[in-house]
Amino acid sequence: MSDPADTNPPIRMLLIDDEKGFVATLAKRLARRNIQATQAYSGREGIQALRRQDFDVVVLDLKMEDMDGLEVLKIIKIMAPDLPVIMLSGHASDEAAQTGIKAGAFDYLTKPYDLSELLDKITAALGQKK
């Protein structure tokens, strides 16, 4: 496993998920690995955050109450076409994963997942971005 913490300065991540406890816990775990996660608890909050600052990578939940993750992904790809997006879902669905990839997502993870899996995907996404 490669660790994105090997890079300096910190990685700027936008984390969009409506599960507040999950987001807070993940952000703390990522901070220990030199990843600064800006937390957004809805698709709309995520889009607003993207308007305010630049990010290196986005981690986006597929199912949220206010906006579908695929809808948010399409908006992100219009605003920042080269920004890698890793989609998350608590609902295992190959169809949803394929739809996300076709819409421009870099990759996809199903919850629950191991943190090392997410770190590997972040590293891969940042490597592709360069």
N, C-alpha and C. Protein backbone atom coordinates (compact mmCIF):
# COMPACT_ATOMS: atom_id res chain seq x y z
N MET A 1 0.84 -1.19 0.00
CA MET A 1 0.00 0.00 0.00
C MET A 1 0.87 1.24 0.00
N SER A 2 0.57 2.16 -0.87
CA SER A 2 1.26 3.44 -0.84
C SER A 2 0.47 4.38 0.04
N ASP A 3 1.15 5.32 0.64
CA ASP A 3 0.51 6.22 1.58
C ASP A 3 0.63 7.65 1.08
N PRO A 4 -0.53 8.31 0.85
CA PRO A 4 -0.47 9.69 0.37
C PRO A 4 0.21 10.64 1.34
N ALA A 5 0.42 10.22 2.59
CA ALA A 5 1.07 11.09 3.57
C ALA A 5 2.53 11.34 3.23
N ASP A 6 3.07 10.56 2.28
CA ASP A 6 4.46 10.76 1.87
C ASP A 6 4.64 12.09 1.13
N THR A 7 3.55 12.70 0.69
CA THR A 7 3.63 13.94 -0.06
C THR A 7 3.60 15.13 0.89
N ASN A 8 4.18 16.23 0.43
CA ASN A 8 4.16 17.47 1.18
C ASN A 8 3.90 18.57 0.20
N PRO A 9 3.07 19.53 0.38
CA PRO A 9 2.21 19.88 1.48
C PRO A 9 1.00 18.93 1.59
N PRO A 10 0.12 19.20 2.56
CA PRO A 10 -1.03 18.32 2.76
C PRO A 10 -1.91 18.21 1.51
N ILE A 11 -2.52 17.07 1.36
CA ILE A 11 -3.49 16.85 0.29
C ILE A 11 -4.79 17.52 0.71
N ARG A 12 -5.40 18.26 -0.21
CA ARG A 12 -6.66 18.95 0.06
C ARG A 12 -7.80 18.12 -0.53
N MET A 13 -8.61 17.55 0.35
CA MET A 13 -9.71 16.70 -0.07
C MET A 13 -11.04 17.35 0.28
N LEU A 14 -12.00 17.19 -0.61
CA LEU A 14 -13.38 17.56 -0.33
C LEU A 14 -14.13 16.26 -0.08
N LEU A 15 -14.68 16.11 1.12
CA LEU A 15 -15.39 14.91 1.53
C LEU A 15 -16.87 15.24 1.64
N ILE A 16 -17.67 14.66 0.73
CA ILE A 16 -19.11 14.96 0.66
C ILE A 16 -19.89 13.70 1.01
N ASP A 17 -20.58 13.74 2.15
CA ASP A 17 -21.37 12.60 2.61
C ASP A 17 -22.36 13.10 3.65
N ASP A 18 -23.60 12.64 3.61
CA ASP A 18 -24.60 13.12 4.56
C ASP A 18 -24.59 12.37 5.89
N GLU A 19 -23.69 11.40 6.06
CA GLU A 19 -23.55 10.70 7.34
C GLU A 19 -22.51 11.43 8.18
N LYS A 20 -22.97 12.35 9.04
CA LYS A 20 -22.06 13.25 9.76
C LYS A 20 -21.04 12.51 10.62
N GLY A 21 -21.44 11.47 11.32
CA GLY A 21 -20.51 10.72 12.15
C GLY A 21 -19.42 10.07 11.32
N PHE A 22 -19.80 9.50 10.19
CA PHE A 22 -18.84 8.87 9.28
C PHE A 22 -17.83 9.90 8.78
N VAL A 23 -18.34 11.06 8.36
CA VAL A 23 -17.49 12.12 7.81
C VAL A 23 -16.50 12.61 8.87
N ALA A 24 -16.97 12.86 10.08
CA ALA A 24 -16.10 13.37 11.13
C ALA A 24 -15.01 12.35 11.47
N THR A 25 -15.38 11.09 11.58
CA THR A 25 -14.40 10.05 11.90
C THR A 25 -13.37 9.90 10.79
N LEU A 26 -13.85 9.86 9.55
CA LEU A 26 -12.94 9.71 8.42
C LEU A 26 -12.00 10.91 8.32
N ALA A 27 -12.52 12.11 8.50
CA ALA A 27 -11.68 13.31 8.41
C ALA A 27 -10.56 13.27 9.45
N LYS A 28 -10.86 12.80 10.68
CA LYS A 28 -9.83 12.70 11.72
C LYS A 28 -8.77 11.68 11.33
N ARG A 29 -9.21 10.55 10.79
CA ARG A 29 -8.25 9.51 10.39
C ARG A 29 -7.37 9.99 9.23
N LEU A 30 -7.96 10.74 8.31
CA LEU A 30 -7.19 11.25 7.17
C LEU A 30 -6.21 12.33 7.60
N ALA A 31 -6.59 13.14 8.57
CA ALA A 31 -5.72 14.22 9.04
C ALA A 31 -4.40 13.66 9.55
N ARG A 32 -4.43 12.48 10.15
CA ARG A 32 -3.21 11.84 10.63
C ARG A 32 -2.32 11.39 9.49
N ARG A 33 -2.85 11.41 8.27
CA ARG A 33 -2.10 10.98 7.10
C ARG A 33 -1.84 12.14 6.14
N ASN A 34 -1.82 13.35 6.70
CA ASN A 34 -1.50 14.55 5.93
C ASN A 34 -2.53 14.87 4.85
N ILE A 35 -3.80 14.54 5.13
CA ILE A 35 -4.89 14.85 4.21
C ILE A 35 -5.86 15.76 4.94
N GLN A 36 -6.01 16.98 4.44
CA GLN A 36 -6.94 17.93 5.04
C GLN A 36 -8.29 17.77 4.35
N ALA A 37 -9.26 17.22 5.08
CA ALA A 37 -10.57 16.96 4.51
C ALA A 37 -11.54 18.07 4.87
N THR A 38 -11.98 18.81 3.86
CA THR A 38 -13.06 19.77 4.05
C THR A 38 -14.35 18.96 4.03
N GLN A 39 -15.17 19.12 5.07
CA GLN A 39 -16.35 18.30 5.23
C GLN A 39 -17.59 19.01 4.70
N ALA A 40 -18.35 18.31 3.87
CA ALA A 40 -19.62 18.81 3.36
C ALA A 40 -20.65 17.72 3.60
N TYR A 41 -21.80 18.09 4.16
CA TYR A 41 -22.80 17.11 4.56
C TYR A 41 -23.97 16.99 3.59
N SER A 42 -23.81 17.59 2.42
CA SER A 42 -24.83 17.48 1.38
C SER A 42 -24.18 17.81 0.04
N GLY A 43 -24.85 17.44 -1.02
CA GLY A 43 -24.34 17.77 -2.34
C GLY A 43 -24.21 19.27 -2.54
N ARG A 44 -25.20 20.00 -2.07
CA ARG A 44 -25.17 21.46 -2.22
C ARG A 44 -23.99 22.07 -1.45
N GLU A 45 -23.75 21.59 -0.22
CA GLU A 45 -22.61 22.09 0.55
C GLU A 45 -21.30 21.79 -0.16
N GLY A 46 -21.21 20.61 -0.75
CA GLY A 46 -20.00 20.23 -1.48
C GLY A 46 -19.74 21.14 -2.67
N ILE A 47 -20.78 21.44 -3.41
CA ILE A 47 -20.64 22.32 -4.58
C ILE A 47 -20.24 23.72 -4.13
N GLN A 48 -20.83 24.20 -3.03
CA GLN A 48 -20.45 25.52 -2.50
C GLN A 48 -18.99 25.54 -2.08
N ALA A 49 -18.53 24.46 -1.43
CA ALA A 49 -17.13 24.38 -1.01
C ALA A 49 -16.20 24.42 -2.21
N LEU A 50 -16.59 23.74 -3.28
CA LEU A 50 -15.78 23.70 -4.50
C LEU A 50 -15.70 25.08 -5.15
N ARG A 51 -16.73 25.88 -4.97
CA ARG A 51 -16.71 27.25 -5.50
C ARG A 51 -15.75 28.14 -4.70
N ARG A 52 -15.55 27.81 -3.41
CA ARG A 52 -14.73 28.65 -2.52
C ARG A 52 -13.24 28.33 -2.55
N GLN A 53 -12.89 27.07 -2.84
CA GLN A 53 -11.48 26.72 -2.80
C GLN A 53 -11.17 25.57 -3.75
N ASP A 54 -9.88 25.37 -3.99
CA ASP A 54 -9.42 24.29 -4.86
C ASP A 54 -9.12 23.05 -4.02
N PHE A 55 -9.34 21.90 -4.63
CA PHE A 55 -9.07 20.63 -3.97
C PHE A 55 -8.24 19.75 -4.90
N ASP A 56 -7.55 18.78 -4.28
CA ASP A 56 -6.76 17.82 -5.04
C ASP A 56 -7.58 16.60 -5.42
N VAL A 57 -8.57 16.27 -4.59
CA VAL A 57 -9.39 15.08 -4.81
C VAL A 57 -10.72 15.26 -4.06
N VAL A 58 -11.76 14.60 -4.58
CA VAL A 58 -13.07 14.61 -3.94
C VAL A 58 -13.46 13.17 -3.62
N VAL A 59 -14.00 12.97 -2.43
CA VAL A 59 -14.62 11.70 -2.06
C VAL A 59 -16.11 12.00 -1.87
N LEU A 60 -16.93 11.33 -2.64
CA LEU A 60 -18.35 11.69 -2.78
C LEU A 60 -19.24 10.47 -2.55
N ASP A 61 -20.20 10.61 -1.63
CA ASP A 61 -21.17 9.55 -1.40
C ASP A 61 -22.18 9.51 -2.54
N LEU A 62 -22.57 8.33 -2.92
CA LEU A 62 -23.51 8.16 -4.03
C LEU A 62 -24.94 8.50 -3.64
N LYS A 63 -25.34 8.10 -2.44
CA LYS A 63 -26.73 8.31 -2.01
C LYS A 63 -26.80 9.34 -0.89
N MET A 64 -27.39 10.49 -1.21
CA MET A 64 -27.58 11.53 -0.21
C MET A 64 -29.01 12.04 -0.34
N GLU A 65 -29.51 12.63 0.74
CA GLU A 65 -30.90 13.06 0.75
C GLU A 65 -31.19 14.24 -0.17
N ASP A 66 -30.30 15.22 -0.20
CA ASP A 66 -30.62 16.44 -0.95
C ASP A 66 -30.37 16.31 -2.45
N MET A 67 -29.27 15.66 -2.82
CA MET A 67 -28.92 15.50 -4.24
C MET A 67 -28.30 14.13 -4.41
N ASP A 68 -28.62 13.49 -5.49
CA ASP A 68 -28.00 12.22 -5.83
C ASP A 68 -26.52 12.46 -6.12
N GLY A 69 -25.66 11.54 -5.67
CA GLY A 69 -24.23 11.68 -5.88
C GLY A 69 -23.84 11.79 -7.34
N LEU A 70 -24.57 11.09 -8.22
CA LEU A 70 -24.27 11.17 -9.65
C LEU A 70 -24.55 12.57 -10.18
N GLU A 71 -25.60 13.20 -9.67
CA GLU A 71 -25.92 14.57 -10.06
C GLU A 71 -24.80 15.52 -9.60
N VAL A 72 -24.32 15.32 -8.37
CA VAL A 72 -23.23 16.14 -7.84
C VAL A 72 -21.97 15.91 -8.67
N LEU A 73 -21.69 14.65 -9.01
CA LEU A 73 -20.52 14.32 -9.83
C LEU A 73 -20.55 15.07 -11.16
N LYS A 74 -21.69 15.09 -11.80
CA LYS A 74 -21.80 15.78 -13.10
C LYS A 74 -21.52 17.27 -12.95
N ILE A 75 -21.99 17.88 -11.86
CA ILE A 75 -21.73 19.30 -11.63
C ILE A 75 -20.24 19.53 -11.36
N ILE A 76 -19.64 18.66 -10.55
CA ILE A 76 -18.20 18.78 -10.26
C ILE A 76 -17.40 18.70 -11.56
N LYS A 77 -17.77 17.78 -12.44
CA LYS A 77 -17.03 17.59 -13.70
C LYS A 77 -17.17 18.79 -14.63
N ILE A 78 -18.25 19.54 -14.50
CA ILE A 78 -18.40 20.79 -15.26
C ILE A 78 -17.53 21.88 -14.64
N MET A 79 -17.54 21.96 -13.31
CA MET A 79 -16.79 23.01 -12.60
C MET A 79 -15.28 22.77 -12.64
N ALA A 80 -14.87 21.51 -12.50
CA ALA A 80 -13.44 21.16 -12.43
C ALA A 80 -13.22 19.82 -13.13
N PRO A 81 -13.16 19.84 -14.46
CA PRO A 81 -13.11 18.58 -15.22
C PRO A 81 -11.95 17.66 -14.87
N ASP A 82 -10.83 18.20 -14.42
CA ASP A 82 -9.66 17.36 -14.13
C ASP A 82 -9.58 16.92 -12.67
N LEU A 83 -10.53 17.33 -11.85
CA LEU A 83 -10.52 16.98 -10.43
C LEU A 83 -10.97 15.53 -10.26
N PRO A 84 -10.09 14.65 -9.69
CA PRO A 84 -10.49 13.26 -9.52
C PRO A 84 -11.54 13.10 -8.41
N VAL A 85 -12.55 12.28 -8.69
CA VAL A 85 -13.64 12.02 -7.76
C VAL A 85 -13.70 10.53 -7.48
N ILE A 86 -13.66 10.18 -6.21
CA ILE A 86 -13.81 8.79 -5.78
C ILE A 86 -15.20 8.68 -5.16
N MET A 87 -16.03 7.82 -5.71
CA MET A 87 -17.40 7.68 -5.22
C MET A 87 -17.48 6.59 -4.16
N LEU A 88 -18.35 6.81 -3.16
CA LEU A 88 -18.59 5.86 -2.08
C LEU A 88 -20.07 5.50 -2.06
N SER A 89 -20.36 4.27 -1.68
CA SER A 89 -21.76 3.91 -1.49
C SER A 89 -21.88 2.84 -0.44
N GLY A 90 -22.93 2.94 0.35
CA GLY A 90 -23.26 1.90 1.31
C GLY A 90 -24.07 0.81 0.66
N HIS A 91 -24.42 1.01 -0.59
CA HIS A 91 -25.24 0.05 -1.32
C HIS A 91 -24.41 -0.53 -2.45
N ALA A 92 -24.00 -1.78 -2.30
CA ALA A 92 -23.18 -2.43 -3.33
C ALA A 92 -23.98 -2.51 -4.63
N SER A 93 -23.47 -1.90 -5.66
CA SER A 93 -24.15 -1.93 -6.95
C SER A 93 -23.14 -1.72 -8.06
N ASP A 94 -22.93 -2.77 -8.84
CA ASP A 94 -22.03 -2.64 -9.98
C ASP A 94 -22.57 -1.64 -10.98
N GLU A 95 -23.89 -1.60 -11.12
CA GLU A 95 -24.51 -0.66 -12.07
C GLU A 95 -24.23 0.78 -11.67
N ALA A 96 -24.37 1.08 -10.38
CA ALA A 96 -24.09 2.44 -9.90
C ALA A 96 -22.62 2.78 -10.10
N ALA A 97 -21.76 1.82 -9.83
CA ALA A 97 -20.32 2.05 -10.01
C ALA A 97 -20.01 2.35 -11.47
N GLN A 98 -20.55 1.58 -12.36
CA GLN A 98 -20.30 1.80 -13.79
C GLN A 98 -20.87 3.14 -14.25
N THR A 99 -22.05 3.50 -13.75
CA THR A 99 -22.64 4.79 -14.10
C THR A 99 -21.73 5.93 -13.62
N GLY A 100 -21.20 5.80 -12.40
CA GLY A 100 -20.29 6.82 -11.86
C GLY A 100 -19.01 6.93 -12.67
N ILE A 101 -18.44 5.80 -13.06
CA ILE A 101 -17.21 5.81 -13.87
C ILE A 101 -17.49 6.45 -15.23
N LYS A 102 -18.61 6.09 -15.84
CA LYS A 102 -18.97 6.68 -17.14
C LYS A 102 -19.20 8.18 -17.04
N ALA A 103 -19.67 8.63 -15.88
CA ALA A 103 -19.92 10.06 -15.68
C ALA A 103 -18.65 10.83 -15.31
N GLY A 104 -17.53 10.11 -15.16
CA GLY A 104 -16.27 10.80 -14.92
C GLY A 104 -15.62 10.53 -13.59
N ALA A 105 -16.20 9.68 -12.75
CA ALA A 105 -15.56 9.35 -11.47
C ALA A 105 -14.25 8.63 -11.74
N PHE A 106 -13.26 8.88 -10.90
CA PHE A 106 -11.98 8.19 -11.03
C PHE A 106 -12.12 6.73 -10.63
N ASP A 107 -12.80 6.49 -9.50
CA ASP A 107 -12.96 5.13 -9.00
C ASP A 107 -14.13 5.08 -8.03
N TYR A 108 -14.35 3.93 -7.42
CA TYR A 108 -15.53 3.65 -6.63
C TYR A 108 -15.18 2.71 -5.49
N LEU A 109 -15.72 2.97 -4.31
CA LEU A 109 -15.57 2.08 -3.16
C LEU A 109 -16.94 1.82 -2.54
N THR A 110 -17.15 0.61 -2.05
CA THR A 110 -18.38 0.26 -1.37
C THR A 110 -18.13 0.26 0.13
N LYS A 111 -19.01 0.93 0.88
CA LYS A 111 -18.91 0.95 2.35
C LYS A 111 -19.41 -0.39 2.88
N PRO A 112 -18.86 -0.94 3.92
CA PRO A 112 -17.65 -0.45 4.57
C PRO A 112 -16.42 -0.84 3.78
N TYR A 113 -15.38 -0.06 3.91
CA TYR A 113 -14.13 -0.35 3.21
C TYR A 113 -13.00 -0.12 4.20
N ASP A 114 -11.86 -0.64 3.87
CA ASP A 114 -10.69 -0.46 4.70
C ASP A 114 -10.04 0.88 4.33
N LEU A 115 -9.56 1.61 5.33
CA LEU A 115 -8.93 2.90 5.07
C LEU A 115 -7.79 2.78 4.07
N SER A 116 -7.06 1.67 4.13
CA SER A 116 -5.94 1.50 3.19
C SER A 116 -6.43 1.46 1.74
N GLU A 117 -7.65 0.94 1.51
CA GLU A 117 -8.21 0.94 0.15
C GLU A 117 -8.44 2.37 -0.33
N LEU A 118 -9.00 3.20 0.55
CA LEU A 118 -9.24 4.59 0.18
C LEU A 118 -7.92 5.32 -0.06
N LEU A 119 -6.93 5.10 0.81
CA LEU A 119 -5.63 5.75 0.64
C LEU A 119 -4.99 5.34 -0.69
N ASP A 120 -5.11 4.07 -1.06
CA ASP A 120 -4.58 3.61 -2.34
C ASP A 120 -5.26 4.32 -3.51
N LYS A 121 -6.57 4.47 -3.42
CA LYS A 121 -7.31 5.14 -4.51
C LYS A 121 -6.96 6.62 -4.58
N ILE A 122 -6.76 7.25 -3.42
CA ILE A 122 -6.35 8.67 -3.42
C ILE A 122 -4.98 8.80 -4.07
N THR A 123 -4.06 7.94 -3.69
CA THR A 123 -2.71 7.96 -4.28
C THR A 123 -2.77 7.78 -5.79
N ALA A 124 -3.57 6.81 -6.23
CA ALA A 124 -3.71 6.56 -7.67
C ALA A 124 -4.32 7.77 -8.38
N ALA A 125 -5.34 8.36 -7.77
CA ALA A 125 -6.01 9.52 -8.38
C ALA A 125 -5.05 10.70 -8.49
N LEU A 126 -4.26 10.93 -7.47
CA LEU A 126 -3.30 12.03 -7.51
C LEU A 126 -2.18 11.76 -8.50
N GLY A 127 -1.80 10.51 -8.64
CA GLY A 127 -0.78 10.15 -9.64
C GLY A 127 -1.25 10.39 -11.04
N GLN A 128 -2.53 10.13 -11.29
CA GLN A 128 -3.10 10.34 -12.63
C GLN A 128 -3.23 11.83 -12.92
N LYS A 129 -3.49 12.61 -11.89
CA LYS A 129 -3.73 14.05 -12.04
C LYS A 129 -2.47 14.80 -12.50
N LYS A 130 -1.30 14.30 -12.10
CA LYS A 130 -0.04 15.01 -12.38
C LYS A 130 0.31 15.03 -13.84
